[in-house]
Amino acid sequence: MTDSKGTSKKLSSREIVISGMFAALTAILSQISLPLPSGIPLTLQTFAVALTGYTLSHRLATAAISIYIIIGSWGIPVFSGFRGGLSVLAGPTGGFIIGFVFTAFFCGLGAVRSRKTAAMLLGTAGVLLCHLTGALHFTAQSELSFSKTLMTINLPYLVKDIACIVIACKMGMTIRQRTRYTGQQKQ
């Protein structure tokens, strides 16, 4: 990684461990799943991704969720329902999983804001991008139109996902405050 001056910024051992821990937390919370007729289960993945973002910086949160996705793509069963492999990413829900990177990034960006309102708005933007990515991918994988996908696949989950953003923001910002974690490397 490089900073704004073009110099290389390596992840510290601590940052690597923290990113791995949040990737593991996401894998664990992904297994808390309620199957629904739509084929997309109701999970705590979005909460885990948002908590990762609000607790870590956008840089580390993006790394943690990318690790989660890469591990899952290798076939390790970290996605909901103890599934893994490229077939999950290529399947109907793959766009939502890829979209988690947007959620993590924007929640992490919000974490550096001192006001929870700005942080929640950024997190909501991340969730909306995740839903857009998921809807586009789902539409390409199914016979549903984009508008029908939005109504049947996205809308029912959006309320839950916004609630996840609000709860994760409060928890993550509290964790950051109590641990004095800034997500920044010490120079």
N, C-alpha and C. Protein backbone atom coordinates (compact mmCIF):
# COMPACT_ATOMS: atom_id res chain seq x y z
N MET A 1 0.84 -1.17 0.00
CA MET A 1 0.00 0.00 0.00
C MET A 1 0.89 1.23 0.00
N THR A 2 0.38 2.31 -0.58
CA THR A 2 1.13 3.56 -0.58
C THR A 2 0.28 4.66 0.01
N ASP A 3 0.94 5.64 0.63
CA ASP A 3 0.20 6.76 1.17
C ASP A 3 0.14 7.89 0.14
N SER A 4 -0.37 9.05 0.55
CA SER A 4 -0.55 10.16 -0.40
C SER A 4 0.78 10.71 -0.93
N LYS A 5 1.89 10.43 -0.23
CA LYS A 5 3.19 10.89 -0.68
C LYS A 5 3.88 9.87 -1.59
N GLY A 6 3.23 8.75 -1.82
CA GLY A 6 3.79 7.73 -2.70
C GLY A 6 4.73 6.77 -1.99
N THR A 7 4.85 6.91 -0.66
CA THR A 7 5.72 5.99 0.08
C THR A 7 4.92 4.76 0.48
N SER A 8 5.61 3.66 0.62
CA SER A 8 4.96 2.39 0.93
C SER A 8 4.58 2.34 2.41
N LYS A 9 3.35 1.90 2.67
CA LYS A 9 2.88 1.70 4.03
C LYS A 9 2.54 0.22 4.19
N LYS A 10 3.38 -0.47 4.92
CA LYS A 10 3.13 -1.89 5.15
C LYS A 10 2.23 -2.07 6.35
N LEU A 11 1.46 -3.14 6.33
CA LEU A 11 0.65 -3.47 7.48
C LEU A 11 1.56 -4.01 8.58
N SER A 12 1.32 -3.57 9.79
CA SER A 12 2.10 -4.08 10.92
C SER A 12 1.58 -5.46 11.29
N SER A 13 2.33 -6.17 12.07
CA SER A 13 1.89 -7.50 12.54
C SER A 13 0.58 -7.38 13.29
N ARG A 14 0.45 -6.35 14.09
CA ARG A 14 -0.78 -6.12 14.86
C ARG A 14 -1.96 -5.93 13.92
N GLU A 15 -1.77 -5.13 12.87
CA GLU A 15 -2.85 -4.87 11.92
C GLU A 15 -3.25 -6.13 11.16
N ILE A 16 -2.28 -6.95 10.83
CA ILE A 16 -2.57 -8.22 10.15
C ILE A 16 -3.39 -9.13 11.05
N VAL A 17 -3.00 -9.21 12.31
CA VAL A 17 -3.73 -10.05 13.28
C VAL A 17 -5.15 -9.53 13.48
N ILE A 18 -5.29 -8.22 13.65
CA ILE A 18 -6.62 -7.62 13.85
C ILE A 18 -7.50 -7.86 12.63
N SER A 19 -6.95 -7.68 11.44
CA SER A 19 -7.72 -7.93 10.21
C SER A 19 -8.16 -9.38 10.14
N GLY A 20 -7.26 -10.30 10.47
CA GLY A 20 -7.60 -11.72 10.48
C GLY A 20 -8.68 -12.06 11.49
N MET A 21 -8.60 -11.41 12.65
CA MET A 21 -9.62 -11.65 13.69
C MET A 21 -11.01 -11.21 13.22
N PHE A 22 -11.07 -10.07 12.54
CA PHE A 22 -12.36 -9.59 12.06
C PHE A 22 -12.85 -10.40 10.86
N ALA A 23 -11.94 -10.94 10.07
CA ALA A 23 -12.34 -11.86 8.99
C ALA A 23 -12.95 -13.11 9.61
N ALA A 24 -12.34 -13.59 10.70
CA ALA A 24 -12.86 -14.78 11.40
C ALA A 24 -14.22 -14.48 12.04
N LEU A 25 -14.36 -13.30 12.64
CA LEU A 25 -15.64 -12.91 13.24
C LEU A 25 -16.73 -12.88 12.17
N THR A 26 -16.41 -12.36 11.00
CA THR A 26 -17.38 -12.32 9.90
C THR A 26 -17.77 -13.74 9.49
N ALA A 27 -16.78 -14.64 9.42
CA ALA A 27 -17.06 -16.03 9.06
C ALA A 27 -17.98 -16.69 10.10
N ILE A 28 -17.76 -16.39 11.35
CA ILE A 28 -18.58 -16.98 12.42
C ILE A 28 -20.01 -16.43 12.37
N LEU A 29 -20.14 -15.11 12.28
CA LEU A 29 -21.48 -14.52 12.26
C LEU A 29 -22.24 -14.84 10.97
N SER A 30 -21.53 -15.20 9.92
CA SER A 30 -22.18 -15.61 8.67
C SER A 30 -22.94 -16.92 8.83
N GLN A 31 -22.57 -17.70 9.82
CA GLN A 31 -23.21 -19.00 10.01
C GLN A 31 -24.53 -18.89 10.76
N ILE A 32 -24.77 -17.74 11.38
CA ILE A 32 -26.06 -17.51 12.02
C ILE A 32 -26.99 -17.10 10.89
N SER A 33 -27.79 -18.06 10.46
CA SER A 33 -28.51 -17.90 9.20
C SER A 33 -29.93 -18.45 9.30
N LEU A 34 -30.85 -17.71 8.73
CA LEU A 34 -32.23 -18.14 8.64
C LEU A 34 -32.59 -18.24 7.17
N PRO A 35 -32.76 -19.46 6.64
CA PRO A 35 -33.09 -19.61 5.21
C PRO A 35 -34.46 -19.01 4.89
N LEU A 36 -34.55 -18.36 3.75
CA LEU A 36 -35.81 -17.76 3.31
C LEU A 36 -36.15 -18.28 1.92
N PRO A 37 -37.43 -18.22 1.53
CA PRO A 37 -37.84 -18.74 0.22
C PRO A 37 -37.15 -18.06 -0.97
N SER A 38 -36.64 -16.86 -0.79
CA SER A 38 -36.00 -16.14 -1.89
C SER A 38 -34.69 -16.80 -2.31
N GLY A 39 -34.14 -17.65 -1.45
CA GLY A 39 -32.84 -18.27 -1.73
C GLY A 39 -31.70 -17.49 -1.12
N ILE A 40 -31.99 -16.32 -0.58
CA ILE A 40 -30.97 -15.52 0.10
C ILE A 40 -31.29 -15.58 1.59
N PRO A 41 -30.40 -16.18 2.38
CA PRO A 41 -30.67 -16.34 3.81
C PRO A 41 -30.54 -15.01 4.56
N LEU A 42 -31.22 -14.93 5.67
CA LEU A 42 -31.10 -13.79 6.57
C LEU A 42 -29.94 -14.13 7.51
N THR A 43 -28.86 -13.35 7.44
CA THR A 43 -27.66 -13.64 8.22
C THR A 43 -27.20 -12.41 9.00
N LEU A 44 -26.17 -12.60 9.79
CA LEU A 44 -25.53 -11.49 10.49
C LEU A 44 -24.26 -11.03 9.78
N GLN A 45 -24.12 -11.40 8.51
CA GLN A 45 -22.94 -10.99 7.74
C GLN A 45 -22.83 -9.47 7.66
N THR A 46 -23.92 -8.81 7.33
CA THR A 46 -23.87 -7.36 7.18
C THR A 46 -23.48 -6.70 8.49
N PHE A 47 -24.01 -7.21 9.61
CA PHE A 47 -23.63 -6.67 10.91
C PHE A 47 -22.13 -6.85 11.15
N ALA A 48 -21.62 -8.04 10.85
CA ALA A 48 -20.19 -8.32 11.05
C ALA A 48 -19.32 -7.40 10.18
N VAL A 49 -19.73 -7.21 8.95
CA VAL A 49 -18.98 -6.35 8.03
C VAL A 49 -19.00 -4.91 8.52
N ALA A 50 -20.16 -4.43 8.93
CA ALA A 50 -20.28 -3.06 9.43
C ALA A 50 -19.48 -2.88 10.73
N LEU A 51 -19.56 -3.84 11.62
CA LEU A 51 -18.79 -3.76 12.87
C LEU A 51 -17.29 -3.73 12.57
N THR A 52 -16.88 -4.50 11.61
CA THR A 52 -15.48 -4.49 11.17
C THR A 52 -15.08 -3.09 10.72
N GLY A 53 -15.92 -2.49 9.89
CA GLY A 53 -15.64 -1.15 9.39
C GLY A 53 -15.61 -0.10 10.49
N TYR A 54 -16.60 -0.13 11.36
CA TYR A 54 -16.69 0.90 12.39
C TYR A 54 -15.64 0.73 13.48
N THR A 55 -15.11 -0.47 13.63
CA THR A 55 -14.08 -0.69 14.64
C THR A 55 -12.69 -0.41 14.08
N LEU A 56 -12.48 -0.77 12.83
CA LEU A 56 -11.17 -0.58 12.19
C LEU A 56 -11.22 0.63 11.26
N SER A 57 -10.13 0.96 10.67
CA SER A 57 -10.10 2.00 9.64
C SER A 57 -10.65 1.43 8.34
N HIS A 58 -10.93 2.30 7.38
CA HIS A 58 -11.42 1.81 6.09
C HIS A 58 -10.38 0.91 5.43
N ARG A 59 -9.13 1.20 5.64
CA ARG A 59 -8.04 0.40 5.06
C ARG A 59 -8.03 -1.03 5.64
N LEU A 60 -8.08 -1.12 6.97
CA LEU A 60 -8.05 -2.44 7.60
C LEU A 60 -9.36 -3.20 7.43
N ALA A 61 -10.47 -2.48 7.45
CA ALA A 61 -11.76 -3.14 7.26
C ALA A 61 -11.86 -3.74 5.87
N THR A 62 -11.40 -3.00 4.87
CA THR A 62 -11.39 -3.51 3.50
C THR A 62 -10.48 -4.73 3.40
N ALA A 63 -9.33 -4.68 4.08
CA ALA A 63 -8.42 -5.83 4.08
C ALA A 63 -9.07 -7.04 4.75
N ALA A 64 -9.72 -6.82 5.90
CA ALA A 64 -10.34 -7.93 6.63
C ALA A 64 -11.44 -8.60 5.81
N ILE A 65 -12.30 -7.81 5.18
CA ILE A 65 -13.40 -8.39 4.41
C ILE A 65 -12.86 -9.01 3.11
N SER A 66 -11.83 -8.44 2.55
CA SER A 66 -11.19 -9.06 1.38
C SER A 66 -10.60 -10.41 1.74
N ILE A 67 -9.98 -10.50 2.91
CA ILE A 67 -9.44 -11.78 3.39
C ILE A 67 -10.58 -12.81 3.51
N TYR A 68 -11.68 -12.38 4.11
CA TYR A 68 -12.86 -13.24 4.26
C TYR A 68 -13.32 -13.77 2.90
N ILE A 69 -13.41 -12.89 1.91
CA ILE A 69 -13.88 -13.28 0.57
C ILE A 69 -12.86 -14.20 -0.11
N ILE A 70 -11.59 -13.88 0.00
CA ILE A 70 -10.55 -14.71 -0.62
C ILE A 70 -10.54 -16.11 -0.02
N ILE A 71 -10.61 -16.18 1.30
CA ILE A 71 -10.62 -17.50 1.97
C ILE A 71 -11.84 -18.30 1.52
N GLY A 72 -12.99 -17.63 1.45
CA GLY A 72 -14.20 -18.31 0.99
C GLY A 72 -14.09 -18.76 -0.45
N SER A 73 -13.45 -17.95 -1.29
CA SER A 73 -13.31 -18.33 -2.70
C SER A 73 -12.40 -19.54 -2.87
N TRP A 74 -11.51 -19.77 -1.92
CA TRP A 74 -10.63 -20.95 -1.97
C TRP A 74 -11.36 -22.24 -1.59
N GLY A 75 -12.60 -22.12 -1.18
CA GLY A 75 -13.38 -23.31 -0.84
C GLY A 75 -13.54 -23.53 0.65
N ILE A 76 -12.93 -22.70 1.45
CA ILE A 76 -13.10 -22.82 2.90
C ILE A 76 -14.50 -22.33 3.23
N PRO A 77 -15.27 -23.13 3.97
CA PRO A 77 -16.70 -22.83 4.17
C PRO A 77 -16.97 -21.69 5.16
N VAL A 78 -16.70 -20.46 4.75
CA VAL A 78 -16.91 -19.30 5.61
C VAL A 78 -18.17 -18.52 5.27
N PHE A 79 -18.74 -18.77 4.08
CA PHE A 79 -19.96 -18.08 3.70
C PHE A 79 -21.15 -18.73 4.39
N SER A 80 -22.30 -18.08 4.38
CA SER A 80 -23.47 -18.62 5.09
C SER A 80 -23.77 -20.05 4.67
N GLY A 81 -24.26 -20.80 5.62
CA GLY A 81 -24.58 -22.20 5.37
C GLY A 81 -23.34 -23.07 5.22
N PHE A 82 -22.24 -22.63 5.77
CA PHE A 82 -20.96 -23.34 5.67
C PHE A 82 -20.61 -23.66 4.22
N ARG A 83 -20.77 -22.65 3.36
CA ARG A 83 -20.44 -22.81 1.94
C ARG A 83 -19.16 -22.07 1.63
N GLY A 84 -18.50 -22.49 0.58
CA GLY A 84 -17.29 -21.83 0.12
C GLY A 84 -17.04 -22.19 -1.32
N GLY A 85 -16.11 -21.50 -1.95
CA GLY A 85 -15.74 -21.79 -3.32
C GLY A 85 -16.17 -20.70 -4.28
N LEU A 86 -15.55 -20.71 -5.44
CA LEU A 86 -15.87 -19.73 -6.47
C LEU A 86 -17.31 -19.84 -6.94
N SER A 87 -17.88 -21.05 -6.81
CA SER A 87 -19.27 -21.23 -7.25
C SER A 87 -20.23 -20.39 -6.42
N VAL A 88 -19.90 -20.14 -5.16
CA VAL A 88 -20.75 -19.28 -4.32
C VAL A 88 -20.67 -17.84 -4.81
N LEU A 89 -19.46 -17.40 -5.14
CA LEU A 89 -19.30 -16.03 -5.64
C LEU A 89 -19.93 -15.86 -7.02
N ALA A 90 -19.92 -16.92 -7.81
CA ALA A 90 -20.52 -16.86 -9.14
C ALA A 90 -22.03 -17.08 -9.08
N GLY A 91 -22.52 -17.60 -7.95
CA GLY A 91 -23.95 -17.88 -7.79
C GLY A 91 -24.77 -16.64 -7.51
N PRO A 92 -26.05 -16.81 -7.26
CA PRO A 92 -26.97 -15.68 -7.11
C PRO A 92 -26.61 -14.70 -6.00
N THR A 93 -26.01 -15.17 -4.90
CA THR A 93 -25.70 -14.27 -3.78
C THR A 93 -24.28 -13.71 -3.84
N GLY A 94 -23.52 -14.08 -4.85
CA GLY A 94 -22.13 -13.64 -4.96
C GLY A 94 -21.95 -12.14 -5.01
N GLY A 95 -22.86 -11.44 -5.66
CA GLY A 95 -22.77 -9.99 -5.74
C GLY A 95 -22.88 -9.31 -4.39
N PHE A 96 -23.69 -9.89 -3.51
CA PHE A 96 -23.81 -9.33 -2.16
C PHE A 96 -22.51 -9.54 -1.39
N ILE A 97 -21.91 -10.70 -1.54
CA ILE A 97 -20.64 -10.98 -0.85
C ILE A 97 -19.56 -10.02 -1.34
N ILE A 98 -19.44 -9.85 -2.64
CA ILE A 98 -18.47 -8.90 -3.19
C ILE A 98 -18.79 -7.48 -2.72
N GLY A 99 -20.07 -7.15 -2.65
CA GLY A 99 -20.50 -5.83 -2.21
C GLY A 99 -20.16 -5.51 -0.77
N PHE A 100 -19.86 -6.54 0.02
CA PHE A 100 -19.45 -6.30 1.42
C PHE A 100 -18.20 -5.43 1.49
N VAL A 101 -17.39 -5.46 0.46
CA VAL A 101 -16.18 -4.63 0.44
C VAL A 101 -16.58 -3.15 0.49
N PHE A 102 -17.64 -2.76 -0.23
CA PHE A 102 -18.13 -1.38 -0.19
C PHE A 102 -18.61 -1.02 1.21
N THR A 103 -19.37 -1.93 1.81
CA THR A 103 -19.89 -1.67 3.16
C THR A 103 -18.74 -1.48 4.14
N ALA A 104 -17.76 -2.37 4.11
CA ALA A 104 -16.62 -2.28 5.03
C ALA A 104 -15.87 -0.97 4.82
N PHE A 105 -15.63 -0.62 3.57
CA PHE A 105 -14.88 0.60 3.25
C PHE A 105 -15.61 1.83 3.77
N PHE A 106 -16.90 1.96 3.46
CA PHE A 106 -17.63 3.16 3.85
C PHE A 106 -17.88 3.23 5.36
N CYS A 107 -18.11 2.09 6.00
CA CYS A 107 -18.23 2.10 7.47
C CYS A 107 -16.89 2.50 8.09
N GLY A 108 -15.80 1.99 7.54
CA GLY A 108 -14.47 2.35 8.04
C GLY A 108 -14.18 3.82 7.83
N LEU A 109 -14.62 4.36 6.71
CA LEU A 109 -14.47 5.80 6.46
C LEU A 109 -15.28 6.58 7.49
N GLY A 110 -16.46 6.09 7.79
CA GLY A 110 -17.31 6.73 8.79
C GLY A 110 -16.73 6.66 10.20
N ALA A 111 -15.94 5.64 10.46
CA ALA A 111 -15.37 5.45 11.79
C ALA A 111 -14.43 6.57 12.20
N VAL A 112 -13.80 7.21 11.24
CA VAL A 112 -12.88 8.29 11.57
C VAL A 112 -13.63 9.60 11.82
N ARG A 113 -14.91 9.64 11.54
CA ARG A 113 -15.72 10.81 11.83
C ARG A 113 -16.07 10.80 13.32
N SER A 114 -16.11 11.96 13.92
CA SER A 114 -16.43 12.02 15.35
C SER A 114 -17.93 11.97 15.60
N ARG A 115 -18.72 12.25 14.58
CA ARG A 115 -20.17 12.23 14.77
C ARG A 115 -20.76 10.94 14.22
N LYS A 116 -21.60 10.32 15.01
CA LYS A 116 -22.21 9.06 14.60
C LYS A 116 -23.15 9.23 13.41
N THR A 117 -23.76 10.39 13.29
CA THR A 117 -24.68 10.62 12.17
C THR A 117 -23.95 10.51 10.84
N ALA A 118 -22.80 11.17 10.73
CA ALA A 118 -22.01 11.09 9.49
C ALA A 118 -21.54 9.66 9.25
N ALA A 119 -21.14 8.98 10.31
CA ALA A 119 -20.68 7.60 10.20
C ALA A 119 -21.81 6.69 9.72
N MET A 120 -23.01 6.89 10.25
CA MET A 120 -24.15 6.06 9.84
C MET A 120 -24.54 6.34 8.39
N LEU A 121 -24.46 7.59 7.98
CA LEU A 121 -24.77 7.93 6.58
C LEU A 121 -23.78 7.28 5.62
N LEU A 122 -22.51 7.31 5.97
CA LEU A 122 -21.50 6.65 5.13
C LEU A 122 -21.73 5.14 5.11
N GLY A 123 -22.04 4.56 6.26
CA GLY A 123 -22.33 3.13 6.32
C GLY A 123 -23.55 2.76 5.49
N THR A 124 -24.56 3.61 5.53
CA THR A 124 -25.76 3.38 4.73
C THR A 124 -25.42 3.43 3.24
N ALA A 125 -24.57 4.37 2.85
CA ALA A 125 -24.13 4.44 1.45
C ALA A 125 -23.43 3.14 1.06
N GLY A 126 -22.60 2.61 1.95
CA GLY A 126 -21.92 1.34 1.69
C GLY A 126 -22.90 0.18 1.53
N VAL A 127 -23.92 0.15 2.37
CA VAL A 127 -24.93 -0.92 2.28
C VAL A 127 -25.71 -0.78 0.97
N LEU A 128 -26.04 0.44 0.59
CA LEU A 128 -26.77 0.64 -0.67
C LEU A 128 -25.93 0.20 -1.87
N LEU A 129 -24.63 0.47 -1.85
CA LEU A 129 -23.75 -0.01 -2.93
C LEU A 129 -23.68 -1.54 -2.91
N CYS A 130 -23.64 -2.12 -1.73
CA CYS A 130 -23.63 -3.59 -1.61
C CYS A 130 -24.92 -4.16 -2.21
N HIS A 131 -26.05 -3.55 -1.89
CA HIS A 131 -27.33 -4.02 -2.42
C HIS A 131 -27.40 -3.84 -3.94
N LEU A 132 -26.86 -2.75 -4.44
CA LEU A 132 -26.85 -2.53 -5.89
C LEU A 132 -26.01 -3.61 -6.58
N THR A 133 -24.82 -3.87 -6.02
CA THR A 133 -23.95 -4.92 -6.58
C THR A 133 -24.66 -6.27 -6.54
N GLY A 134 -25.29 -6.55 -5.40
CA GLY A 134 -26.02 -7.82 -5.25
C GLY A 134 -27.18 -7.94 -6.21
N ALA A 135 -27.93 -6.85 -6.39
CA ALA A 135 -29.09 -6.87 -7.28
C ALA A 135 -28.68 -7.06 -8.73
N LEU A 136 -27.63 -6.36 -9.14
CA LEU A 136 -27.15 -6.52 -10.52
C LEU A 136 -26.69 -7.95 -10.78
N HIS A 137 -25.95 -8.50 -9.84
CA HIS A 137 -25.45 -9.87 -9.99
C HIS A 137 -26.61 -10.88 -9.96
N PHE A 138 -27.55 -10.68 -9.02
CA PHE A 138 -28.69 -11.59 -8.91
C PHE A 138 -29.53 -11.56 -10.17
N THR A 139 -29.75 -10.37 -10.72
CA THR A 139 -30.53 -10.22 -11.95
C THR A 139 -29.86 -10.98 -13.10
N ALA A 140 -28.55 -10.89 -13.17
CA ALA A 140 -27.81 -11.59 -14.23
C ALA A 140 -27.89 -13.10 -14.06
N GLN A 141 -28.08 -13.57 -12.82
CA GLN A 141 -28.11 -15.01 -12.53
C GLN A 141 -29.52 -15.60 -12.58
N SER A 142 -30.52 -14.76 -12.58
CA SER A 142 -31.90 -15.26 -12.52
C SER A 142 -32.71 -14.74 -13.70
N GLU A 143 -33.96 -15.10 -13.70
CA GLU A 143 -34.86 -14.64 -14.75
C GLU A 143 -35.68 -13.44 -14.30
N LEU A 144 -35.35 -12.89 -13.14
CA LEU A 144 -36.07 -11.73 -12.63
C LEU A 144 -35.54 -10.46 -13.28
N SER A 145 -36.43 -9.50 -13.47
CA SER A 145 -35.99 -8.19 -13.95
C SER A 145 -35.29 -7.47 -12.80
N PHE A 146 -34.58 -6.40 -13.12
CA PHE A 146 -33.87 -5.66 -12.10
C PHE A 146 -34.85 -5.08 -11.07
N SER A 147 -35.97 -4.52 -11.54
CA SER A 147 -36.95 -3.94 -10.61
C SER A 147 -37.58 -5.01 -9.73
N LYS A 148 -37.85 -6.18 -10.30
CA LYS A 148 -38.43 -7.28 -9.51
C LYS A 148 -37.41 -7.78 -8.48
N THR A 149 -36.14 -7.81 -8.87
CA THR A 149 -35.08 -8.20 -7.93
C THR A 149 -35.02 -7.21 -6.77
N LEU A 150 -35.08 -5.93 -7.08
CA LEU A 150 -35.05 -4.92 -6.02
C LEU A 150 -36.21 -5.11 -5.05
N MET A 151 -37.39 -5.39 -5.57
CA MET A 151 -38.58 -5.53 -4.72
C MET A 151 -38.58 -6.82 -3.90
N THR A 152 -38.12 -7.91 -4.49
CA THR A 152 -38.22 -9.20 -3.80
C THR A 152 -36.94 -9.64 -3.09
N ILE A 153 -35.81 -9.22 -3.60
CA ILE A 153 -34.53 -9.67 -3.04
C ILE A 153 -33.89 -8.61 -2.14
N ASN A 154 -33.96 -7.36 -2.53
CA ASN A 154 -33.29 -6.31 -1.78
C ASN A 154 -34.14 -5.68 -0.68
N LEU A 155 -35.31 -5.23 -1.04
CA LEU A 155 -36.15 -4.48 -0.10
C LEU A 155 -36.38 -5.20 1.23
N PRO A 156 -36.71 -6.50 1.23
CA PRO A 156 -36.94 -7.17 2.51
C PRO A 156 -35.71 -7.17 3.44
N TYR A 157 -34.53 -7.09 2.87
CA TYR A 157 -33.30 -7.16 3.67
C TYR A 157 -32.76 -5.78 4.04
N LEU A 158 -33.21 -4.76 3.33
CA LEU A 158 -32.67 -3.42 3.53
C LEU A 158 -32.94 -2.89 4.94
N VAL A 159 -34.13 -3.13 5.46
CA VAL A 159 -34.46 -2.66 6.81
C VAL A 159 -33.53 -3.31 7.83
N LYS A 160 -33.33 -4.62 7.70
CA LYS A 160 -32.43 -5.33 8.60
C LYS A 160 -31.01 -4.81 8.47
N ASP A 161 -30.58 -4.56 7.25
CA ASP A 161 -29.21 -4.09 7.03
C ASP A 161 -28.99 -2.68 7.58
N ILE A 162 -29.98 -1.80 7.46
CA ILE A 162 -29.86 -0.46 8.04
C ILE A 162 -29.82 -0.56 9.56
N ALA A 163 -30.62 -1.44 10.13
CA ALA A 163 -30.57 -1.65 11.59
C ALA A 163 -29.19 -2.17 11.99
N CYS A 164 -28.62 -3.05 11.19
CA CYS A 164 -27.26 -3.55 11.46
C CYS A 164 -26.25 -2.41 11.45
N ILE A 165 -26.41 -1.48 10.52
CA ILE A 165 -25.52 -0.32 10.43
C ILE A 165 -25.60 0.50 11.72
N VAL A 166 -26.81 0.78 12.17
CA VAL A 166 -27.00 1.61 13.36
C VAL A 166 -26.38 0.93 14.59
N ILE A 167 -26.67 -0.34 14.78
CA ILE A 167 -26.15 -1.07 15.96
C ILE A 167 -24.63 -1.22 15.87
N ALA A 168 -24.13 -1.59 14.70
CA ALA A 168 -22.68 -1.76 14.52
C ALA A 168 -21.94 -0.44 14.71
N CYS A 169 -22.54 0.65 14.26
CA CYS A 169 -21.91 1.97 14.42
C CYS A 169 -21.75 2.29 15.90
N LYS A 170 -22.82 2.11 16.65
CA LYS A 170 -22.76 2.41 18.08
C LYS A 170 -21.73 1.52 18.77
N MET A 171 -21.74 0.23 18.45
CA MET A 171 -20.79 -0.69 19.07
C MET A 171 -19.36 -0.41 18.64
N GLY A 172 -19.14 -0.27 17.34
CA GLY A 172 -17.79 -0.07 16.82
C GLY A 172 -17.17 1.22 17.29
N MET A 173 -17.95 2.30 17.30
CA MET A 173 -17.43 3.59 17.75
C MET A 173 -17.12 3.54 19.25
N THR A 174 -17.93 2.80 20.01
CA THR A 174 -17.66 2.63 21.44
C THR A 174 -16.37 1.84 21.65
N ILE A 175 -16.20 0.79 20.88
CA ILE A 175 -14.96 0.00 20.97
C ILE A 175 -13.76 0.87 20.65
N ARG A 176 -13.84 1.64 19.57
CA ARG A 176 -12.74 2.54 19.18
C ARG A 176 -12.43 3.52 20.30
N GLN A 177 -13.48 4.09 20.89
CA GLN A 177 -13.30 5.09 21.94
C GLN A 177 -12.68 4.47 23.19
N ARG A 178 -13.18 3.32 23.59
CA ARG A 178 -12.69 2.70 24.83
C ARG A 178 -11.30 2.09 24.70
N THR A 179 -10.97 1.68 23.49
CA THR A 179 -9.63 1.11 23.29
C THR A 179 -8.66 2.13 22.75
N ARG A 180 -9.19 3.32 22.45
CA ARG A 180 -8.39 4.40 21.86
C ARG A 180 -7.74 3.93 20.56
N TYR A 181 -8.42 3.03 19.86
CA TYR A 181 -7.90 2.52 18.58
C TYR A 181 -8.26 3.50 17.49
N THR A 182 -7.29 3.91 16.72
CA THR A 182 -7.53 4.87 15.65
C THR A 182 -7.42 4.26 14.28
N GLY A 183 -6.86 3.06 14.19
CA GLY A 183 -6.65 2.44 12.88
C GLY A 183 -5.43 2.98 12.17
N GLN A 184 -4.68 3.82 12.83
CA GLN A 184 -3.51 4.43 12.24
C GLN A 184 -2.25 3.77 12.81
N GLN A 185 -1.27 3.55 11.96
CA GLN A 185 0.00 3.02 12.41
C GLN A 185 0.74 4.08 13.19
N LYS A 186 1.43 3.66 14.24
CA LYS A 186 2.30 4.59 14.95
C LYS A 186 3.57 4.80 14.16
N GLN A 187 3.98 6.02 14.07
CA GLN A 187 5.17 6.34 13.28
C GLN A 187 6.42 6.22 14.12
